[in-house]
Amino acid sequence: MFNEIIDAENVLNNLLPATRLQKGQPAPLFIAAKNWSQLVWEMAEQLGPIPLSAEQISRGINLVEHPVFVCGVHRSGTTLVRNLLDGHPQLVVLPSEGTYYTNLEHKLQQLPQNKWAAYLGTEWLRRLANPINQQPYWLLGRTSTDTSPYVDFARYLLAWWQALPHTALTTWPHQAVMLAYASATNNLDAKLWVDKTPTNERFVERIREEFPSALVIHVVREPVATLTSRRIMEPAISLRLALKFLRGSYQIAIEESAFNNGKFLLLKYEQLCDDPGVIINELTDFLEIENSASLTNATVAGIAATANSSFNGDTVSGAILKPGQHRQKEVFTANELRLITASISNAANKLGYKMPDMSLVTKLFLRLKLLLS
């Protein structure tokens, strides 16, 4: 029944990289993933939505109302937080970045609404097979002649697409994806669902409007380490733009911490790495979930994840590396470090990241220089 999908799946599997890609997907990999996801979606449409009981719909609607958003600027440690939460039995944790507010919503708005389900479905099928161009892959397992967990996921997505109210200016398409994943993994009884997307902090006001019960975990990291990681992983991004994002994220963290209504948790990456037990206790208290051994193991969809470093290949999967175990190389010149200090030190100091002293006049001069660069 699924022979054509199996063949396409094998082609895709043979093209998945053994080590993390440092650049974009090669064309053959992209084409194979697109072909496979399209075949899966077409089969799901042919078989139709998996019927949902009234009880399942009730449980799903209840779950939708209790999200957790893990956010923070790129390269700040959000992936580690997501991976530690992944295996907890009271949580549905999306195994790939949600990116609804930051990316997918805009793309859907460019399409006729009758194309949304297919676009989002095939996109998420590819994410379930290959989330970030590094292992683990095939997060729902592999297709056999009798069953395909990916076809099941797509059929559940079609079912929840019909069951959820299509309210304007809400994330209902993303909610359908989450509920399809929860259904496919038999986890509709979870207490909370978790979306990890860098820079989602920019949408915190909208999140609160749409989800009054939403919890936000904002991850911050020492500025030079954050910027170093980003320059290595995204060499095309300018220092000025990277600093703009970092400064904005820091400012939101400061404001939200001051406003804190019990639904916002500021989490420092370094503290999590240095003393995970203490921070995990903070997380369980904040989320009001039971402490679990799973919280000390980084996984993706229950599969051991790569350790929290993009640059240290000699690591044990699922481990939490301390900052000293994945030291970064120096990538900034002395002048660039001065620009970083001038731009970010005020906000960084408020978050407890001590930066070199610099006179106000020097700061203003260097900020102007950065602005004109």
Protein backbone atom coordinates (compact mmCIF):
# COMPACT_ATOMS: atom_id res chain seq x y z
CA MET A 1 0.00 0.00 0.00
CA PHE A 2 2.82 2.40 0.85
CA ASN A 3 5.46 1.04 -1.54
CA GLU A 4 5.84 4.28 -3.49
CA ILE A 5 6.25 6.23 -0.27
CA ILE A 6 8.83 3.71 0.98
CA ASP A 7 10.84 4.09 -2.21
CA ALA A 8 10.77 7.88 -1.92
CA GLU A 9 11.61 7.62 1.78
CA ASN A 10 14.66 5.49 1.01
CA VAL A 11 15.86 7.99 -1.59
CA LEU A 12 15.52 10.80 0.95
CA ASN A 13 17.16 8.77 3.71
CA ASN A 14 20.21 8.09 1.55
CA LEU A 15 20.67 11.84 1.01
CA LEU A 16 20.40 12.89 4.67
CA PRO A 17 23.79 14.19 5.84
CA ALA A 18 25.87 12.13 8.26
CA THR A 19 27.07 15.35 9.93
CA ARG A 20 25.36 18.70 10.29
CA LEU A 21 25.16 20.78 7.13
CA GLN A 22 26.91 24.12 7.53
CA LYS A 23 25.12 25.62 4.53
CA GLY A 24 21.69 25.27 2.93
CA GLN A 25 20.26 22.01 1.67
CA PRO A 26 21.78 20.66 -1.55
CA ALA A 27 19.28 20.61 -4.42
CA PRO A 28 18.97 16.78 -4.57
CA LEU A 29 18.13 16.65 -0.85
CA PHE A 30 15.53 19.40 -1.18
CA ILE A 31 13.92 17.73 -4.21
CA ALA A 32 13.82 14.31 -2.54
CA ALA A 33 12.22 15.76 0.60
CA LYS A 34 9.64 17.64 -1.42
CA ASN A 35 8.80 14.58 -3.50
CA TRP A 36 8.43 12.34 -0.43
CA SER A 37 6.28 14.81 1.51
CA GLN A 38 4.01 15.33 -1.50
CA LEU A 39 3.46 11.57 -1.88
CA VAL A 40 2.64 11.27 1.83
CA TRP A 41 0.19 14.16 1.66
CA GLU A 42 -1.54 12.79 -1.42
CA MET A 43 -1.99 9.42 0.26
CA ALA A 44 -3.41 11.12 3.37
CA GLU A 45 -5.90 13.04 1.25
CA GLN A 46 -6.86 9.82 -0.52
CA LEU A 47 -7.48 7.98 2.76
CA GLY A 48 -9.16 10.99 4.37
CA PRO A 49 -9.03 12.43 7.92
CA ILE A 50 -8.74 10.01 10.83
CA PRO A 51 -12.09 10.30 12.68
CA LEU A 52 -11.92 12.14 15.99
CA SER A 53 -14.28 11.33 18.85
CA ALA A 54 -16.07 14.05 20.80
CA GLU A 55 -13.81 13.21 23.74
CA GLN A 56 -10.65 13.61 21.64
CA ILE A 57 -11.84 16.97 20.35
CA SER A 58 -12.62 18.13 23.90
CA ARG A 59 -9.17 17.08 25.10
CA GLY A 60 -7.54 18.73 22.12
CA ILE A 61 -9.34 22.04 22.61
CA ASN A 62 -8.28 22.02 26.26
CA LEU A 63 -4.66 21.33 25.34
CA VAL A 64 -4.61 24.15 22.78
CA GLU A 65 -5.37 26.66 25.54
CA HIS A 66 -2.21 25.83 27.52
CA PRO A 67 0.91 26.62 25.48
CA VAL A 68 4.49 27.21 26.55
CA PHE A 69 6.58 29.41 24.27
CA VAL A 70 10.37 28.99 24.52
CA CYS A 71 12.01 32.00 22.91
CA GLY A 72 15.15 34.13 22.81
CA VAL A 73 17.47 35.46 20.16
CA HIS A 74 19.10 32.97 17.78
CA ARG A 75 22.01 30.97 19.30
CA SER A 76 20.95 31.75 22.87
CA GLY A 77 20.26 28.18 23.99
CA THR A 78 16.57 27.75 23.21
CA THR A 79 17.19 24.38 21.56
CA LEU A 80 18.71 22.93 24.73
CA VAL A 81 15.69 24.02 26.78
CA ARG A 82 13.30 22.50 24.24
CA ASN A 83 15.26 19.24 24.12
CA LEU A 84 15.30 18.89 27.91
CA LEU A 85 11.52 19.35 28.04
CA ASP A 86 10.98 16.95 25.15
CA GLY A 87 10.65 13.67 27.02
CA HIS A 88 8.41 14.85 29.85
CA PRO A 89 5.15 12.84 29.97
CA GLN A 90 3.04 15.90 30.80
CA LEU A 91 4.21 17.86 27.76
CA VAL A 92 3.69 17.80 24.01
CA VAL A 93 6.89 19.34 22.65
CA LEU A 94 6.99 20.20 18.97
CA PRO A 95 10.19 18.54 17.71
CA SER A 96 11.04 21.34 15.29
CA GLU A 97 10.86 25.11 15.59
CA GLY A 98 7.28 26.33 15.34
CA THR A 99 8.09 29.50 13.35
CA TYR A 100 4.40 30.31 12.92
CA TYR A 101 4.52 33.95 14.02
CA THR A 102 7.98 34.52 12.57
CA ASN A 103 7.59 32.84 9.18
CA LEU A 104 4.76 30.46 8.34
CA GLU A 105 1.84 32.79 8.97
CA HIS A 106 3.19 35.26 6.43
CA LYS A 107 3.69 32.49 3.87
CA LEU A 108 0.15 31.21 4.37
CA GLN A 109 -1.22 34.69 3.82
CA GLN A 110 0.34 34.66 0.35
CA LEU A 111 -1.71 31.58 -0.60
CA PRO A 112 -5.42 30.93 -1.15
CA GLN A 113 -6.84 29.46 2.05
CA ASN A 114 -7.71 26.19 0.32
CA LYS A 115 -3.96 25.65 -0.19
CA TRP A 116 -2.99 26.21 3.44
CA ALA A 117 -3.40 22.65 4.71
CA ALA A 118 -1.28 21.13 1.94
CA TYR A 119 1.43 23.77 2.33
CA LEU A 120 1.64 23.43 6.10
CA GLY A 121 1.23 19.65 6.01
CA THR A 122 4.07 19.00 3.58
CA GLU A 123 6.28 21.55 5.37
CA TRP A 124 5.81 19.78 8.70
CA LEU A 125 6.24 16.33 7.18
CA ARG A 126 9.68 17.41 6.04
CA ARG A 127 10.42 18.79 9.50
CA LEU A 128 9.44 15.48 11.08
CA ALA A 129 11.81 13.64 8.76
CA ASN A 130 14.68 16.13 8.91
CA PRO A 131 14.23 18.91 11.47
CA ILE A 132 17.57 20.76 11.23
CA ASN A 133 19.80 18.93 8.75
CA GLN A 134 21.45 16.86 11.45
CA GLN A 135 20.55 13.72 13.38
CA PRO A 136 18.13 12.56 14.67
CA TYR A 137 16.04 11.99 11.57
CA TRP A 138 12.67 10.25 11.02
CA LEU A 139 11.14 11.41 14.28
CA LEU A 140 8.01 9.28 13.91
CA GLY A 141 9.84 6.16 12.76
CA ARG A 142 9.88 4.65 9.26
CA THR A 143 7.15 3.64 6.85
CA SER A 144 6.39 -0.05 6.30
CA THR A 145 4.25 -1.75 3.67
CA ASP A 146 1.28 -1.76 6.07
CA THR A 147 1.59 1.52 7.94
CA SER A 148 3.11 4.96 7.72
CA PRO A 149 3.30 7.20 10.80
CA TYR A 150 3.71 10.17 8.46
CA VAL A 151 0.50 9.42 6.59
CA ASP A 152 -1.18 9.08 9.99
CA PHE A 153 0.20 12.48 11.04
CA ALA A 154 -1.09 14.06 7.82
CA ARG A 155 -4.52 12.45 8.27
CA TYR A 156 -4.68 13.73 11.85
CA LEU A 157 -3.77 17.19 10.55
CA LEU A 158 -6.67 17.01 8.10
CA ALA A 159 -8.95 15.94 10.97
CA TRP A 160 -7.92 18.75 13.30
CA TRP A 161 -8.04 21.21 10.40
CA GLN A 162 -11.75 20.46 10.19
CA ALA A 163 -12.36 20.30 13.97
CA LEU A 164 -10.78 23.63 15.00
CA PRO A 165 -12.64 26.91 14.46
CA HIS A 166 -11.01 28.93 11.67
CA THR A 167 -10.83 32.18 13.60
CA ALA A 168 -9.23 35.12 11.83
CA LEU A 169 -5.85 36.39 13.10
CA THR A 170 -5.15 33.40 15.32
CA THR A 171 -2.73 30.50 15.13
CA TRP A 172 -5.39 27.86 14.46
CA PRO A 173 -3.38 26.30 11.59
CA HIS A 174 -0.40 25.92 13.93
CA GLN A 175 -2.67 24.52 16.62
CA ALA A 176 -3.86 21.89 14.12
CA VAL A 177 -0.23 20.88 13.51
CA MET A 178 0.42 20.56 17.25
CA LEU A 179 -2.72 18.48 17.80
CA ALA A 180 -1.83 16.25 14.83
CA TYR A 181 1.56 15.63 16.41
CA ALA A 182 -0.01 15.02 19.84
CA SER A 183 -2.48 12.58 18.27
CA ALA A 184 0.17 10.77 16.25
CA THR A 185 2.26 10.32 19.41
CA ASN A 186 -0.72 9.40 21.64
CA ASN A 187 -0.25 12.42 23.87
CA LEU A 188 -3.53 14.33 23.78
CA ASP A 189 -3.76 13.99 27.57
CA ALA A 190 -0.71 16.22 28.06
CA LYS A 191 -1.01 19.20 30.39
CA LEU A 192 0.89 21.68 28.19
CA TRP A 193 2.26 21.99 24.68
CA VAL A 194 5.63 23.56 23.91
CA ASP A 195 6.66 25.67 20.93
CA LYS A 196 10.32 26.66 20.63
CA THR A 197 10.95 29.49 18.19
CA PRO A 198 13.80 32.02 18.42
CA THR A 199 12.64 35.67 18.41
CA ASN A 200 9.05 34.78 19.34
CA GLU A 201 9.54 37.18 22.25
CA ARG A 202 8.73 39.94 19.74
CA PHE A 203 5.15 38.63 19.69
CA VAL A 204 4.64 38.30 23.43
CA GLU A 205 1.74 40.77 23.51
CA ARG A 206 -0.08 38.90 20.76
CA ILE A 207 0.63 35.59 22.48
CA ARG A 208 -1.00 36.88 25.65
CA GLU A 209 -4.04 38.12 23.74
CA GLU A 210 -4.54 34.81 21.97
CA PHE A 211 -3.55 32.55 24.87
CA PRO A 212 -4.39 34.12 28.26
CA SER A 213 -2.87 31.09 30.02
CA ALA A 214 0.32 31.03 27.95
CA LEU A 215 3.66 30.61 29.71
CA VAL A 216 6.80 32.17 28.23
CA ILE A 217 10.36 30.96 28.84
CA HIS A 218 12.82 33.57 27.59
CA VAL A 219 16.39 32.27 27.25
CA VAL A 220 19.32 34.70 27.33
CA ARG A 221 23.04 34.07 26.91
CA GLU A 222 26.24 36.07 27.41
CA PRO A 223 26.39 38.54 24.50
CA VAL A 224 29.79 37.81 22.98
CA ALA A 225 29.16 34.05 23.11
CA THR A 226 25.77 34.54 21.44
CA LEU A 227 27.17 36.75 18.70
CA THR A 228 30.18 34.48 18.16
CA SER A 229 27.95 31.47 17.65
CA ARG A 230 25.74 33.39 15.28
CA ARG A 231 28.66 34.67 13.19
CA ILE A 232 30.02 31.14 12.80
CA MET A 233 26.62 29.67 11.90
CA GLU A 234 25.38 32.65 9.86
CA PRO A 235 28.46 34.33 8.39
CA ALA A 236 26.35 36.44 6.04
CA ILE A 237 24.59 38.33 8.85
CA SER A 238 26.08 41.74 9.61
CA LEU A 239 27.25 42.61 13.11
CA ARG A 240 24.89 45.59 13.10
CA LEU A 241 21.85 43.39 12.40
CA ALA A 242 22.89 40.69 14.86
CA LEU A 243 23.33 43.35 17.56
CA LYS A 244 19.92 44.83 16.74
CA PHE A 245 18.22 41.46 17.33
CA LEU A 246 20.23 40.79 20.50
CA ARG A 247 19.61 44.23 21.96
CA GLY A 248 15.89 43.94 21.22
CA SER A 249 15.69 40.51 22.84
CA TYR A 250 17.56 41.71 25.93
CA GLN A 251 15.27 44.71 26.27
CA ILE A 252 12.16 42.54 26.09
CA ALA A 253 13.67 40.22 28.72
CA ILE A 254 14.28 43.19 31.03
CA GLU A 255 10.78 44.60 30.54
CA GLU A 256 9.03 41.25 30.93
CA SER A 257 11.02 40.43 34.06
CA ALA A 258 9.89 43.71 35.62
CA PHE A 259 6.29 43.11 34.56
CA ASN A 260 6.38 39.46 35.61
CA ASN A 261 2.89 38.15 36.37
CA GLY A 262 3.94 34.58 37.10
CA LYS A 263 3.69 33.56 33.44
CA PHE A 264 7.19 34.62 32.38
CA LEU A 265 10.48 32.91 33.25
CA LEU A 266 13.86 34.42 32.43
CA LEU A 267 16.40 31.63 32.04
CA LYS A 268 20.15 32.08 31.63
CA TYR A 269 21.83 29.55 29.37
CA GLU A 270 25.05 29.53 31.39
CA GLN A 271 23.22 28.74 34.62
CA LEU A 272 21.37 25.90 32.93
CA CYS A 273 24.65 24.39 31.70
CA ASP A 274 26.55 24.93 34.96
CA ASP A 275 23.86 23.79 37.39
CA PRO A 276 21.07 22.02 35.49
CA GLY A 277 19.50 20.59 38.63
CA VAL A 278 18.70 24.02 40.07
CA ILE A 279 17.34 25.40 36.79
CA ILE A 280 15.30 22.27 36.11
CA ASN A 281 13.67 22.71 39.51
CA GLU A 282 12.81 26.27 38.50
CA LEU A 283 11.32 24.96 35.26
CA THR A 284 9.17 22.34 36.95
CA ASP A 285 7.91 24.88 39.48
CA PHE A 286 7.15 27.39 36.72
CA LEU A 287 5.35 24.86 34.53
CA GLU A 288 3.76 23.11 37.52
CA ILE A 289 4.82 19.69 36.26
CA GLU A 290 6.39 16.78 38.10
CA ASN A 291 10.14 16.53 38.29
CA SER A 292 11.29 13.74 36.02
CA ALA A 293 14.56 12.05 35.13
CA SER A 294 13.76 12.86 31.49
CA LEU A 295 14.50 16.53 32.19
CA THR A 296 18.22 15.82 32.47
CA ASN A 297 18.41 14.16 29.04
CA ALA A 298 18.24 16.16 25.83
CA THR A 299 16.04 14.42 23.27
CA VAL A 300 14.06 15.18 20.13
CA ALA A 301 10.83 13.19 19.87
CA GLY A 302 12.26 10.86 22.48
CA ILE A 303 15.48 10.24 20.50
CA ALA A 304 18.81 11.31 22.02
CA ALA A 305 19.71 14.74 20.66
CA THR A 306 23.07 16.15 19.69
CA ALA A 307 24.77 17.79 22.68
CA ASN A 308 24.38 21.55 23.10
CA SER A 309 27.21 22.61 20.82
CA SER A 310 27.31 23.13 17.08
CA PHE A 311 31.11 23.14 17.13
CA ASN A 312 32.21 20.25 19.37
CA GLY A 313 31.78 16.94 17.55
CA ASP A 314 33.33 14.85 20.31
CA THR A 315 30.27 14.72 22.56
CA VAL A 316 27.78 12.22 23.92
CA SER A 317 24.24 12.51 22.53
CA GLY A 318 21.78 13.89 25.06
CA ALA A 319 24.49 15.40 27.28
CA ILE A 320 24.47 18.91 28.72
CA LEU A 321 27.84 20.53 28.10
CA LYS A 322 29.11 23.22 30.44
CA PRO A 323 30.26 26.43 28.74
CA GLY A 324 33.90 25.48 29.27
CA GLN A 325 33.37 22.20 27.42
CA HIS A 326 32.49 23.92 24.17
CA ARG A 327 34.71 26.96 24.10
CA GLN A 328 34.32 29.15 21.05
CA LYS A 329 37.09 30.47 18.89
CA GLU A 330 37.63 34.21 18.74
CA VAL A 331 35.97 35.66 15.66
CA PHE A 332 35.76 39.37 16.49
CA THR A 333 38.48 42.00 16.18
CA ALA A 334 39.27 44.35 19.06
CA ASN A 335 37.35 47.12 17.27
CA GLU A 336 34.32 44.89 16.82
CA LEU A 337 34.38 43.96 20.50
CA ARG A 338 34.33 47.67 21.35
CA LEU A 339 31.32 48.13 19.07
CA ILE A 340 29.59 45.22 20.82
CA THR A 341 30.28 46.74 24.23
CA ALA A 342 29.00 50.16 23.16
CA SER A 343 25.84 48.71 21.67
CA ILE A 344 24.82 46.11 24.21
CA SER A 345 26.50 46.76 27.56
CA ASN A 346 23.65 48.71 29.18
CA ALA A 347 21.12 45.95 28.59
CA ALA A 348 23.64 43.17 29.24
CA ASN A 349 24.62 44.63 32.60
CA LYS A 350 20.97 44.79 33.67
CA LEU A 351 20.73 41.06 32.97
CA GLY A 352 23.86 40.36 35.02
CA TYR A 353 26.34 40.07 32.15
CA LYS A 354 29.21 42.33 33.16
CA MET A 355 30.88 44.04 30.22
CA PRO A 356 33.94 46.37 30.08
CA ASP A 357 33.48 49.92 31.31
CA MET A 358 33.23 52.59 28.65
CA SER A 359 32.48 56.31 28.84
CA LEU A 360 29.14 57.58 27.61
CA VAL A 361 30.82 59.73 24.96
CA THR A 362 32.73 56.74 23.60
CA LYS A 363 29.58 54.65 23.59
CA LEU A 364 27.65 57.27 21.65
CA PHE A 365 30.48 57.68 19.14
CA LEU A 366 30.76 53.93 18.55
CA ARG A 367 26.99 53.50 18.28
CA LEU A 368 26.93 56.17 15.59
CA LYS A 369 29.80 54.44 13.83
CA LEU A 370 27.92 51.14 13.94
CA LEU A 371 24.75 52.78 12.65
CA LEU A 372 26.63 54.20 9.68
CA SER A 373 28.49 51.00 8.89
